[in-house]
PDB file of N, CA and C in Angstrom:
ATOM      1  N   MET A   1     -23.758  97.802 -64.975  1.00  0.00           N
ATOM      2  CA  MET A   1     -22.470  97.270 -65.177  1.00  0.00           C
ATOM      3  C   MET A   1     -21.335  98.426 -64.662  1.00  0.00           C
ATOM      4  N   THR A   2     -21.592  99.611 -64.695  1.00  0.00           N
ATOM      5  CA  THR A   2     -20.686 100.533 -64.545  1.00  0.00           C
ATOM      6  C   THR A   2     -20.341 100.716 -62.962  1.00  0.00           C
ATOM      7  N   ASP A   3     -21.185 100.141 -62.235  1.00  0.00           N
ATOM      8  CA  ASP A   3     -20.624 100.377 -60.606  1.00  0.00           C
ATOM      9  C   ASP A   3     -19.845  99.083 -60.183  1.00  0.00           C
ATOM     10  N   THR A   4     -19.353  98.152 -60.753  1.00  0.00           N
ATOM     11  CA  THR A   4     -18.556  97.063 -60.664  1.00  0.00           C
ATOM     12  C   THR A   4     -17.346  97.297 -59.687  1.00  0.00           C
ATOM     13  N   PRO A   5     -17.356  96.490 -58.679  1.00  0.00           N
ATOM     14  CA  PRO A   5     -16.133  96.562 -58.073  1.00  0.00           C
ATOM     15  C   PRO A   5     -14.912  96.210 -58.257  1.00  0.00           C
ATOM     16  N   PRO A   6     -13.758  96.308 -58.058  1.00  0.00           N
ATOM     17  CA  PRO A   6     -12.667  95.776 -58.536  1.00  0.00           C
ATOM     18  C   PRO A   6     -12.488  94.279 -58.655  1.00  0.00           C
ATOM     19  N   PRO A   7     -11.704  93.571 -58.999  1.00  0.00           N
ATOM     20  CA  PRO A   7     -11.545  92.226 -59.475  1.00  0.00           C
ATOM     21  C   PRO A   7     -11.274  91.715 -57.796  1.00  0.00           C
ATOM     22  N   SER A   8     -11.550  90.452 -57.689  1.00  0.00           N
ATOM     23  CA  SER A   8     -11.627  89.795 -56.227  1.00  0.00           C
ATOM     24  C   SER A   8     -10.134  89.384 -55.954  1.00  0.00           C
ATOM     25  N   GLY A   9      -9.436  89.431 -57.279  1.00  0.00           N
ATOM     26  CA  GLY A   9      -7.894  88.913 -56.879  1.00  0.00           C
ATOM     27  C   GLY A   9      -7.309  88.727 -58.372  1.00  0.00           C
ATOM     28  N   THR A  10      -6.250  88.283 -58.428  1.00  0.00           N
ATOM     29  CA  THR A  10      -5.622  87.819 -59.773  1.00  0.00           C
ATOM     30  C   THR A  10      -5.657  86.350 -59.981  1.00  0.00           C
ATOM     31  N   GLY A  11      -6.262  85.821 -59.392  1.00  0.00           N
ATOM     32  CA  GLY A  11      -6.784  84.339 -59.691  1.00  0.00           C
ATOM     33  C   GLY A  11      -8.021  83.763 -59.091  1.00  0.00           C
ATOM     34  N   CYS A  12      -8.462  82.648 -59.585  1.00  0.00           N
ATOM     35  CA  CYS A  12      -9.652  82.146 -59.317  1.00  0.00           C
ATOM     36  C   CYS A  12      -9.779  81.925 -57.561  1.00  0.00           C
ATOM     37  N   VAL A  13     -10.699  82.623 -57.075  1.00  0.00           N
ATOM     38  CA  VAL A  13     -11.112  82.448 -55.494  1.00  0.00           C
ATOM     39  C   VAL A  13     -11.034  81.430 -55.133  1.00  0.00           C
ATOM     40  N   GLU A  14     -11.862  80.272 -55.748  1.00  0.00           N
ATOM     41  CA  GLU A  14     -12.009  79.217 -55.255  1.00  0.00           C
ATOM     42  C   GLU A  14     -11.107  78.200 -55.737  1.00  0.00           C
ATOM     43  N   CYS A  15     -10.182  78.187 -56.526  1.00  0.00           N
ATOM     44  CA  CYS A  15      -8.821  77.505 -57.037  1.00  0.00           C
ATOM     45  C   CYS A  15      -8.181  77.659 -55.980  1.00  0.00           C
ATOM     46  N   LEU A  16      -7.697  79.027 -55.776  1.00  0.00           N
ATOM     47  CA  LEU A  16      -6.729  79.403 -54.628  1.00  0.00           C
ATOM     48  C   LEU A  16      -7.029  78.800 -53.260  1.00  0.00           C
ATOM     49  N   ALA A  17      -8.365  78.886 -52.897  1.00  0.00           N
ATOM     50  CA  ALA A  17      -8.802  78.384 -51.367  1.00  0.00           C
ATOM     51  C   ALA A  17      -8.481  76.988 -51.500  1.00  0.00           C
ATOM     52  N   SER A  18      -8.970  76.283 -52.728  1.00  0.00           N
ATOM     53  CA  SER A  18      -8.614  74.715 -52.300  1.00  0.00           C
ATOM     54  C   SER A  18      -7.409  74.176 -52.955  1.00  0.00           C
ATOM     55  N   GLY A  19      -6.436  74.838 -53.451  1.00  0.00           N
ATOM     56  CA  GLY A  19      -5.382  74.413 -53.737  1.00  0.00           C
ATOM     57  C   GLY A  19      -5.148  74.160 -55.393  1.00  0.00           C
ATOM     58  N   SER A  20      -6.248  74.225 -56.110  1.00  0.00           N
ATOM     59  CA  SER A  20      -6.464  73.615 -57.440  1.00  0.00           C
ATOM     60  C   SER A  20      -5.967  74.897 -58.275  1.00  0.00           C
ATOM     61  N   TRP A  21      -6.264  74.515 -59.607  1.00  0.00           N
ATOM     62  CA  TRP A  21      -5.510  75.099 -60.752  1.00  0.00           C
ATOM     63  C   TRP A  21      -6.640  75.314 -62.021  1.00  0.00           C
ATOM     64  N   TRP A  22      -6.149  76.471 -62.643  1.00  0.00           N
ATOM     65  CA  TRP A  22      -7.088  77.014 -63.849  1.00  0.00           C
ATOM     66  C   TRP A  22      -6.303  77.126 -65.207  1.00  0.00           C
ATOM     67  N   LEU A  23      -7.084  77.139 -66.289  1.00  0.00           N
ATOM     68  CA  LEU A  23      -6.510  77.453 -67.593  1.00  0.00           C
ATOM     69  C   LEU A  23      -6.633  79.037 -67.895  1.00  0.00           C
ATOM     70  N   HIS A  24      -7.875  79.498 -67.901  1.00  0.00           N
ATOM     71  CA  HIS A  24      -8.058  80.848 -67.881  1.00  0.00           C
ATOM     72  C   HIS A  24      -8.962  81.432 -67.116  1.00  0.00           C
ATOM     73  N   LEU A  25      -9.245  82.688 -67.131  1.00  0.00           N
ATOM     74  CA  LEU A  25      -9.559  83.749 -65.818  1.00  0.00           C
ATOM     75  C   LEU A  25     -11.031  84.230 -66.593  1.00  0.00           C
ATOM     76  N   ARG A  26     -11.867  84.469 -65.692  1.00  0.00           N
ATOM     77  CA  ARG A  26     -13.390  85.213 -66.185  1.00  0.00           C
ATOM     78  C   ARG A  26     -13.702  86.247 -64.814  1.00  0.00           C
ATOM     79  N   ARG A  27     -14.106  87.564 -65.117  1.00  0.00           N
ATOM     80  CA  ARG A  27     -14.468  88.304 -64.412  1.00  0.00           C
ATOM     81  C   ARG A  27     -15.739  88.743 -64.312  1.00  0.00           C
ATOM     82  N   CYS A  28     -16.776  88.288 -63.005  1.00  0.00           N
ATOM     83  CA  CYS A  28     -18.105  88.955 -63.008  1.00  0.00           C
ATOM     84  C   CYS A  28     -18.000  90.443 -63.237  1.00  0.00           C
ATOM     85  N   THR A  29     -18.908  90.671 -64.036  1.00  0.00           N
ATOM     86  CA  THR A  29     -19.142  92.364 -64.315  1.00  0.00           C
ATOM     87  C   THR A  29     -20.064  92.880 -63.188  1.00  0.00           C
ATOM     88  N   THR A  30     -20.854  91.880 -62.533  1.00  0.00           N
ATOM     89  CA  THR A  30     -21.544  92.560 -61.408  1.00  0.00           C
ATOM     90  C   THR A  30     -20.920  92.837 -59.929  1.00  0.00           C
ATOM     91  N   CYS A  31     -20.098  91.444 -59.816  1.00  0.00           N
ATOM     92  CA  CYS A  31     -19.576  91.992 -58.349  1.00  0.00           C
ATOM     93  C   CYS A  31     -17.989  91.751 -58.381  1.00  0.00           C
ATOM     94  N   GLY A  32     -17.281  91.626 -59.484  1.00  0.00           N
ATOM     95  CA  GLY A  32     -15.947  91.511 -59.647  1.00  0.00           C
ATOM     96  C   GLY A  32     -15.394  89.948 -59.043  1.00  0.00           C
ATOM     97  N   HIS A  33     -15.820  89.029 -58.925  1.00  0.00           N
ATOM     98  CA  HIS A  33     -15.607  87.804 -58.651  1.00  0.00           C
ATOM     99  C   HIS A  33     -14.876  87.270 -59.646  1.00  0.00           C
ATOM    100  N   VAL A  34     -13.600  86.774 -59.701  1.00  0.00           N
ATOM    101  CA  VAL A  34     -12.801  86.144 -60.585  1.00  0.00           C
ATOM    102  C   VAL A  34     -12.842  84.546 -60.343  1.00  0.00           C
ATOM    103  N   GLY A  35     -13.159  84.192 -61.487  1.00  0.00           N
ATOM    104  CA  GLY A  35     -13.275  82.489 -61.441  1.00  0.00           C
ATOM    105  C   GLY A  35     -12.678  81.947 -62.591  1.00  0.00           C
ATOM    106  N   CYS A  36     -12.696  80.523 -62.659  1.00  0.00           N
ATOM    107  CA  CYS A  36     -12.012  79.860 -63.651  1.00  0.00           C
ATOM    108  C   CYS A  36     -12.775  79.518 -64.916  1.00  0.00           C
ATOM    109  N   CYS A  37     -12.459  79.308 -66.046  1.00  0.00           N
ATOM    110  CA  CYS A  37     -13.071  79.091 -67.182  1.00  0.00           C
ATOM    111  C   CYS A  37     -13.966  78.107 -67.461  1.00  0.00           C
ATOM    112  N   GLU A  38     -14.933  77.684 -68.272  1.00  0.00           N
ATOM    113  CA  GLU A  38     -15.411  76.459 -68.455  1.00  0.00           C
ATOM    114  C   GLU A  38     -14.290  75.085 -68.858  1.00  0.00           C
ATOM    115  N   VAL A  39     -13.360  75.637 -69.542  1.00  0.00           N
ATOM    116  CA  VAL A  39     -12.398  74.299 -70.056  1.00  0.00           C
ATOM    117  C   VAL A  39     -11.515  74.140 -68.633  1.00  0.00           C
ATOM    118  N   SER A  40     -11.409  74.929 -67.441  1.00  0.00           N
ATOM    119  CA  SER A  40     -10.924  74.830 -66.738  1.00  0.00           C
ATOM    120  C   SER A  40     -11.565  73.272 -65.849  1.00  0.00           C
ATOM    121  N   PRO A  41     -10.540  72.754 -65.330  1.00  0.00           N
ATOM    122  CA  PRO A  41     -11.351  71.608 -64.151  1.00  0.00           C
ATOM    123  C   PRO A  41     -12.463  71.700 -63.413  1.00  0.00           C
ATOM    124  N   ASN A  42     -12.563  72.912 -62.877  1.00  0.00           N
ATOM    125  CA  ASN A  42     -13.572  73.090 -61.728  1.00  0.00           C
ATOM    126  C   ASN A  42     -14.584  74.317 -62.316  1.00  0.00           C
ATOM    127  N   HIS A  43     -14.560  74.955 -63.131  1.00  0.00           N
ATOM    128  CA  HIS A  43     -15.735  75.928 -63.871  1.00  0.00           C
ATOM    129  C   HIS A  43     -16.247  76.870 -63.064  1.00  0.00           C
ATOM    130  N   HIS A  44     -15.439  77.606 -62.303  1.00  0.00           N
ATOM    131  CA  HIS A  44     -15.930  78.306 -61.014  1.00  0.00           C
ATOM    132  C   HIS A  44     -16.641  79.381 -61.673  1.00  0.00           C
ATOM    133  N   ALA A  45     -16.335  80.147 -62.572  1.00  0.00           N
ATOM    134  CA  ALA A  45     -16.848  81.241 -63.344  1.00  0.00           C
ATOM    135  C   ALA A  45     -18.514  80.889 -63.511  1.00  0.00           C
ATOM    136  N   GLN A  46     -18.523  79.790 -64.161  1.00  0.00           N
ATOM    137  CA  GLN A  46     -19.966  79.553 -64.293  1.00  0.00           C
ATOM    138  C   GLN A  46     -20.841  79.043 -63.170  1.00  0.00           C
ATOM    139  N   ARG A  47     -20.334  78.463 -62.339  1.00  0.00           N
ATOM    140  CA  ARG A  47     -20.611  77.920 -60.926  1.00  0.00           C
ATOM    141  C   ARG A  47     -21.230  79.243 -60.404  1.00  0.00           C
ATOM    142  N   HIS A  48     -20.496  80.270 -60.315  1.00  0.00           N
ATOM    143  CA  HIS A  48     -20.737  81.645 -59.662  1.00  0.00           C
ATOM    144  C   HIS A  48     -21.940  82.169 -60.165  1.00  0.00           C
ATOM    145  N   PHE A  49     -21.973  82.188 -61.571  1.00  0.00           N
ATOM    146  CA  PHE A  49     -23.381  82.392 -62.372  1.00  0.00           C
ATOM    147  C   PHE A  49     -24.312  81.544 -61.947  1.00  0.00           C
ATOM    148  N   GLU A  50     -24.214  80.352 -61.665  1.00  0.00           N
ATOM    149  CA  GLU A  50     -25.671  79.437 -61.315  1.00  0.00           C
ATOM    150  C   GLU A  50     -25.795  79.778 -60.096  1.00  0.00           C
ATOM    151  N   LEU A  51     -24.756  80.061 -59.297  1.00  0.00           N
ATOM    152  CA  LEU A  51     -25.241  80.439 -57.751  1.00  0.00           C
ATOM    153  C   LEU A  51     -25.846  81.989 -57.398  1.00  0.00           C
ATOM    154  N   THR A  52     -25.492  82.638 -58.446  1.00  0.00           N
ATOM    155  CA  THR A  52     -25.900  84.185 -58.141  1.00  0.00           C
ATOM    156  C   THR A  52     -26.757  84.743 -58.985  1.00  0.00           C
ATOM    157  N   GLY A  53     -26.635  84.353 -60.194  1.00  0.00           N
ATOM    158  CA  GLY A  53     -27.444  84.909 -61.369  1.00  0.00           C
ATOM    159  C   GLY A  53     -26.681  85.968 -61.984  1.00  0.00           C
ATOM    160  N   HIS A  54     -25.716  86.084 -61.683  1.00  0.00           N
ATOM    161  CA  HIS A  54     -24.649  87.180 -62.247  1.00  0.00           C
ATOM    162  C   HIS A  54     -24.231  86.597 -63.639  1.00  0.00           C
ATOM    163  N   ARG A  55     -25.041  87.355 -64.826  1.00  0.00           N
ATOM    164  CA  ARG A  55     -25.173  86.511 -65.990  1.00  0.00           C
ATOM    165  C   ARG A  55     -23.891  87.088 -67.097  1.00  0.00           C
ATOM    166  N   PHE A  56     -23.215  88.307 -66.612  1.00  0.00           N
ATOM    167  CA  PHE A  56     -22.023  88.697 -67.426  1.00  0.00           C
ATOM    168  C   PHE A  56     -20.780  88.533 -66.979  1.00  0.00           C
ATOM    169  N   VAL A  57     -19.753  87.973 -67.629  1.00  0.00           N
ATOM    170  CA  VAL A  57     -18.362  88.064 -67.353  1.00  0.00           C
ATOM    171  C   VAL A  57     -17.389  88.689 -68.437  1.00  0.00           C
ATOM    172  N   GLN A  58     -16.425  89.116 -67.977  1.00  0.00           N
ATOM    173  CA  GLN A  58     -15.481  89.674 -68.859  1.00  0.00           C
ATOM    174  C   GLN A  58     -14.222  88.655 -68.634  1.00  0.00           C
ATOM    175  N   SER A  59     -13.530  88.612 -69.971  1.00  0.00           N
ATOM    176  CA  SER A  59     -12.238  87.910 -70.116  1.00  0.00           C
ATOM    177  C   SER A  59     -11.204  88.593 -68.940  1.00  0.00           C
ATOM    178  N   PHE A  60     -10.638  87.781 -67.937  1.00  0.00           N
ATOM    179  CA  PHE A  60      -9.587  88.304 -67.240  1.00  0.00           C
ATOM    180  C   PHE A  60      -8.358  87.899 -67.965  1.00  0.00           C
ATOM    181  N   GLU A  61      -8.086  87.777 -68.957  1.00  0.00           N
ATOM    182  CA  GLU A  61      -6.809  87.568 -69.398  1.00  0.00           C
ATOM    183  C   GLU A  61      -6.274  88.707 -70.146  1.00  0.00           C
ATOM    184  N   PRO A  62      -4.750  88.799 -69.924  1.00  0.00           N
ATOM    185  CA  PRO A  62      -4.211  90.107 -70.538  1.00  0.00           C
ATOM    186  C   PRO A  62      -4.510  89.915 -72.121  1.00  0.00           C
ATOM    187  N   HIS A  63      -4.731  90.991 -72.547  1.00  0.00           N
ATOM    188  CA  HIS A  63      -4.977  91.418 -74.004  1.00  0.00           C
ATOM    189  C   HIS A  63      -6.267  91.088 -74.612  1.00  0.00           C
ATOM    190  N   GLU A  64      -7.284  90.423 -73.852  1.00  0.00           N
ATOM    191  CA  GLU A  64      -8.374  90.144 -74.387  1.00  0.00           C
ATOM    192  C   GLU A  64      -9.393  91.061 -73.881  1.00  0.00           C
ATOM    193  N   GLU A  65     -10.371  91.508 -74.726  1.00  0.00           N
ATOM    194  CA  GLU A  65     -11.386  92.721 -74.498  1.00  0.00           C
ATOM    195  C   GLU A  65     -12.877  91.973 -74.785  1.00  0.00           C
ATOM    196  N   TRP A  66     -13.319  91.156 -74.165  1.00  0.00           N
ATOM    197  CA  TRP A  66     -14.427  90.446 -74.793  1.00  0.00           C
ATOM    198  C   TRP A  66     -15.388  90.036 -73.341  1.00  0.00           C
ATOM    199  N   TRP A  67     -16.763  89.986 -73.482  1.00  0.00           N
ATOM    200  CA  TRP A  67     -17.586  89.748 -72.553  1.00  0.00           C
ATOM    201  C   TRP A  67     -18.483  88.559 -73.060  1.00  0.00           C
ATOM    202  N   TRP A  68     -19.034  87.884 -71.738  1.00  0.00           N
ATOM    203  CA  TRP A  68     -20.146  86.770 -72.150  1.00  0.00           C
ATOM    204  C   TRP A  68     -21.262  86.920 -71.589  1.00  0.00           C
ATOM    205  N   ASP A  69     -22.404  86.536 -72.063  1.00  0.00           N
ATOM    206  CA  ASP A  69     -23.381  86.311 -71.511  1.00  0.00           C
ATOM    207  C   ASP A  69     -24.015  84.977 -71.280  1.00  0.00           C
ATOM    208  N   TYR A  70     -24.145  84.558 -69.899  1.00  0.00           N
ATOM    209  CA  TYR A  70     -24.202  82.882 -69.601  1.00  0.00           C
ATOM    210  C   TYR A  70     -25.764  82.728 -69.735  1.00  0.00           C
ATOM    211  N   VAL A  71     -26.743  83.817 -69.617  1.00  0.00           N
ATOM    212  CA  VAL A  71     -28.070  83.483 -70.255  1.00  0.00           C
ATOM    213  C   VAL A  71     -28.279  83.203 -71.740  1.00  0.00           C
ATOM    214  N   GLU A  72     -27.814  84.314 -72.278  1.00  0.00           N
ATOM    215  CA  GLU A  72     -27.965  84.042 -73.802  1.00  0.00           C
ATOM    216  C   GLU A  72     -26.669  82.841 -74.358  1.00  0.00           C
ATOM    217  N   GLU A  73     -25.658  82.767 -73.880  1.00  0.00           N
ATOM    218  CA  GLU A  73     -24.671  81.852 -74.082  1.00  0.00           C
ATOM    219  C   GLU A  73     -24.082  82.331 -75.216  1.00  0.00           C
ATOM    220  N   GLN A  74     -23.438  83.669 -75.468  1.00  0.00           N
ATOM    221  CA  GLN A  74     -23.174  84.351 -76.540  1.00  0.00           C
ATOM    222  C   GLN A  74     -22.124  85.527 -76.092  1.00  0.00           C
ATOM    223  N   GLU A  75     -20.969  85.785 -76.962  1.00  0.00           N
ATOM    224  CA  GLU A  75     -20.480  87.062 -76.559  1.00  0.00           C
ATOM    225  C   GLU A  75     -21.640  88.309 -76.703  1.00  0.00           C
ATOM    226  N   VAL A  76     -21.209  89.260 -76.077  1.00  0.00           N
ATOM    227  CA  VAL A  76     -22.045  90.395 -75.719  1.00  0.00           C
ATOM    228  C   VAL A  76     -20.889  91.801 -75.782  1.00  0.00           C
ATOM    229  N   ASP A  77     -21.766  92.781 -75.979  1.00  0.00           N
ATOM    230  CA  ASP A  77     -20.762  94.219 -75.773  1.00  0.00           C
ATOM    231  C   ASP A  77     -20.764  94.430 -74.308  1.00  0.00           C
ATOM    232  N   GLY A  78     -19.650  94.950 -74.122  1.00  0.00           N
ATOM    233  CA  GLY A  78     -19.549  95.198 -72.663  1.00  0.00           C
ATOM    234  C   GLY A  78     -19.142  96.614 -72.299  1.00  0.00           C
ATOM    235  N   VAL A  79     -18.751  97.110 -71.201  1.00  0.00           N
ATOM    236  CA  VAL A  79     -18.342  98.382 -70.954  1.00  0.00           C
ATOM    237  C   VAL A  79     -17.005  98.525 -70.164  1.00  0.00           C
ATOM    238  N   VAL A  80     -16.434  99.572 -70.075  1.00  0.00           N
ATOM    239  CA  VAL A  80     -14.842  99.339 -69.393  1.00  0.00           C
ATOM    240  C   VAL A  80     -15.094  99.413 -67.867  1.00  0.00           C
ATOM    241  N   LEU A  81     -14.545  98.301 -67.568  1.00  0.00           N
ATOM    242  CA  LEU A  81     -14.719  98.209 -65.846  1.00  0.00           C
ATOM    243  C   LEU A  81     -13.375  98.694 -65.421  1.00  0.00           C
ATOM    244  N   PRO A  82     -13.488  99.054 -63.819  1.00  0.00           N
ATOM    245  CA  PRO A  82     -12.488  99.580 -63.189  1.00  0.00           C
ATOM    246  C   PRO A  82     -11.406  98.331 -63.094  1.00  0.00           C
ATOM    247  N   GLY A  83      -9.990  98.940 -63.159  1.00  0.00           N
ATOM    248  CA  GLY A  83      -8.832  98.075 -63.314  1.00  0.00           C
ATOM    249  C   GLY A  83      -8.681  97.560 -62.166  1.00  0.00           C
ATOM    250  N   PRO A  84      -7.637  96.461 -62.423  1.00  0.00           N
ATOM    251  CA  PRO A  84      -7.008  95.928 -63.505  1.00  0.00           C
ATOM    252  C   PRO A  84      -8.085  95.159 -64.258  1.00  0.00           C
ATOM    253  N   SER A  85      -7.610  95.060 -65.471  1.00  0.00           N
ATOM    254  CA  SER A  85      -8.673  94.288 -66.607  1.00  0.00           C
ATOM    255  C   SER A  85      -8.205  93.217 -66.782  1.00  0.00           C
ATOM    256  N   SER A  86      -7.186  92.818 -66.208  1.00  0.00           N
ATOM    257  CA  SER A  86      -6.516  91.247 -66.364  1.00  0.00           C
ATOM    258  C   SER A  86      -5.659  90.765 -65.149  1.00  0.00           C
ATOM    259  N   HIS A  87      -5.598  89.509 -64.964  1.00  0.00           N
ATOM    260  CA  HIS A  87      -4.198  89.183 -64.084  1.00  0.00           C
ATOM    261  C   HIS A  87      -3.117  89.810 -64.641  1.00  0.00           C
ATOM    262  N   PRO A  88      -1.918  89.528 -63.691  1.00  0.00           N
ATOM    263  CA  PRO A  88      -0.768  90.075 -64.308  1.00  0.00           C
ATOM    264  C   PRO A  88      -0.352  89.641 -65.312  1.00  0.00           C
ATOM    265  N   PRO A  89       0.320  90.160 -66.342  1.00  0.00           N
ATOM    266  CA  PRO A  89       1.037  89.456 -67.700  1.00  0.00           C
ATOM    267  C   PRO A  89       1.756  88.428 -67.344  1.00  0.00           C
ATOM    268  N   ALA A  90       2.737  88.433 -65.770  1.00  0.00           N
ATOM    269  CA  ALA A  90       3.871  87.594 -65.926  1.00  0.00           C
ATOM    270  C   ALA A  90       3.600  86.432 -65.457  1.00  0.00           C
ATOM    271  N   GLN A  91       1.887  86.362 -64.778  1.00  0.00           N
ATOM    272  CA  GLN A  91       1.322  85.217 -64.135  1.00  0.00           C
ATOM    273  C   GLN A  91       1.146  84.094 -65.045  1.00  0.00           C
ATOM    274  N   SER A  92       1.434  82.790 -64.543  1.00  0.00           N
ATOM    275  CA  SER A  92       1.550  81.914 -65.620  1.00  0.00           C
ATOM    276  C   SER A  92       0.096  81.129 -65.960  1.00  0.00           C
ATOM    277  N   VAL A  93      -0.043  80.969 -67.206  1.00  0.00           N
ATOM    278  CA  VAL A  93      -1.236  80.399 -67.746  1.00  0.00           C
ATOM    279  C   VAL A  93      -0.798  78.906 -68.484  1.00  0.00           C
ATOM    280  N   PRO A  94      -1.241  77.856 -67.832  1.00  0.00           N
ATOM    281  CA  PRO A  94      -2.364  77.859 -66.689  1.00  0.00           C
ATOM    282  C   PRO A  94      -1.721  78.222 -65.480  1.00  0.00           C
ATOM    283  N   GLY A  95      -2.499  78.316 -64.543  1.00  0.00           N
ATOM    284  CA  GLY A  95      -2.109  78.684 -62.934  1.00  0.00           C
ATOM    285  C   GLY A  95      -2.831  78.141 -61.854  1.00  0.00           C
ATOM    286  N   PRO A  96      -2.672  78.443 -60.758  1.00  0.00           N
ATOM    287  CA  PRO A  96      -1.146  79.103 -60.332  1.00  0.00           C
ATOM    288  C   PRO A  96      -0.029  78.422 -60.414  1.00  0.00           C
ATOM    289  N   SER A  97       1.253  78.920 -60.466  1.00  0.00           N
ATOM    290  CA  SER A  97       2.639  78.255 -60.690  1.00  0.00           C
ATOM    291  C   SER A  97       2.776  77.535 -59.422  1.00  0.00           C
ATOM    292  N   GLY A  98       3.039  76.426 -59.712  1.00  0.00           N
ATOM    293  CA  GLY A  98       3.325  75.265 -58.891  1.00  0.00           C
ATOM    294  C   GLY A  98       2.033  74.350 -58.447  1.00  0.00           C
ATOM    295  N   HIS A  99       0.889  74.649 -58.698  1.00  0.00           N
ATOM    296  CA  HIS A  99      -0.511  73.902 -58.434  1.00  0.00           C
ATOM    297  C   HIS A  99      -0.734  73.161 -59.985  1.00  0.00           C
ATOM    298  N   VAL A 100      -0.309  73.378 -60.947  1.00  0.00           N
ATOM    299  CA  VAL A 100      -0.562  72.798 -62.472  1.00  0.00           C
ATOM    300  C   VAL A 100       0.014  71.517 -62.545  1.00  0.00           C
ATOM    301  N   PRO A 101      -0.518  70.580 -62.853  1.00  0.00           N
ATOM    302  CA  PRO A 101       0.037  69.171 -63.051  1.00  0.00           C
ATOM    303  C   PRO A 101       0.958  69.201 -64.167  1.00  0.00           C
ATOM    304  N   ALA A 102       1.643  68.444 -64.411  1.00  0.00           N
ATOM    305  CA  ALA A 102       2.698  68.257 -65.551  1.00  0.00           C
ATOM    306  C   ALA A 102       1.619  67.695 -66.609  1.00  0.00           C
ATOM    307  N   ASN A 103       0.814  66.963 -66.619  1.00  0.00           N
ATOM    308  CA  ASN A 103      -0.053  66.501 -67.438  1.00  0.00           C
ATOM    309  C   ASN A 103      -1.642  67.110 -67.944  1.00  0.00           C
ATOM    310  N   TRP A 104      -1.498  68.656 -67.596  1.00  0.00           N
ATOM    311  CA  TRP A 104      -2.461  69.536 -67.504  1.00  0.00           C
ATOM    312  C   TRP A 104      -3.402  69.233 -68.988  1.00  0.00           C
ATOM    313  N   GLU A 105      -2.409  69.231 -69.997  1.00  0.00           N
ATOM    314  CA  GLU A 105      -3.054  69.375 -71.383  1.00  0.00           C
ATOM    315  C   GLU A 105      -4.071  68.190 -71.677  1.00  0.00           C
ATOM    316  N   SER A 106      -3.775  66.780 -71.163  1.00  0.00           N
ATOM    317  CA  SER A 106      -4.217  65.569 -71.331  1.00  0.00           C
ATOM    318  C   SER A 106      -5.508  65.599 -70.412  1.00  0.00           C
ATOM    319  N   ILE A 107      -5.270  66.437 -69.164  1.00  0.00           N
ATOM    320  CA  ILE A 107      -6.542  66.317 -68.406  1.00  0.00           C
ATOM    321  C   ILE A 107      -7.483  67.275 -69.043  1.00  0.00           C
ATOM    322  N   ILE A 108      -7.184  68.332 -69.718  1.00  0.00           N
ATOM    323  CA  ILE A 108      -8.474  69.151 -70.299  1.00  0.00           C
ATOM    324  C   ILE A 108      -8.653  68.891 -71.647  1.00  0.00           C
ATOM    325  N   PHE A 109      -7.900  68.459 -72.558  1.00  0.00           N
ATOM    326  CA  PHE A 109      -8.435  68.195 -73.956  1.00  0.00           C
ATOM    327  C   PHE A 109      -8.767  66.825 -73.957  1.00  0.00           C
ATOM    328  N   ASP A 110      -8.685  65.812 -73.158  1.00  0.00           N
ATOM    329  CA  ASP A 110      -8.817  64.214 -73.042  1.00  0.00           C
ATOM    330  C   ASP A 110     -10.133  63.832 -72.579  1.00  0.00           C
ATOM    331  N   GLU A 111     -10.820  65.154 -72.132  1.00  0.00           N
ATOM    332  CA  GLU A 111     -12.389  64.909 -71.333  1.00  0.00           C
ATOM    333  C   GLU A 111     -13.300  64.733 -72.178  1.00  0.00           C
TER     334      GLU A 111
END
């Protein structure tokens, strides 16, 4: 995991391309892909794992230092990855700003 490229950006690659939104972000430790979490409407980080087999992600949220293994479905110990280790702290959560529906909480928590 130590040869990981930098993050692919500051937001979910697929959500930004499609005009969608996310709750939290995850960074692939293999290739640097940034995708949205499983609670987000589109689950792009998990879909990235399903398409590529890249099993480990790190939280891409400020002040969070944890890693996840999609194969074992549990937190694991990780290594320090090249920076940045999160999206900019001023970036909105959920995000991106301007794309989050006013009823986002009911969309996520009423499913």
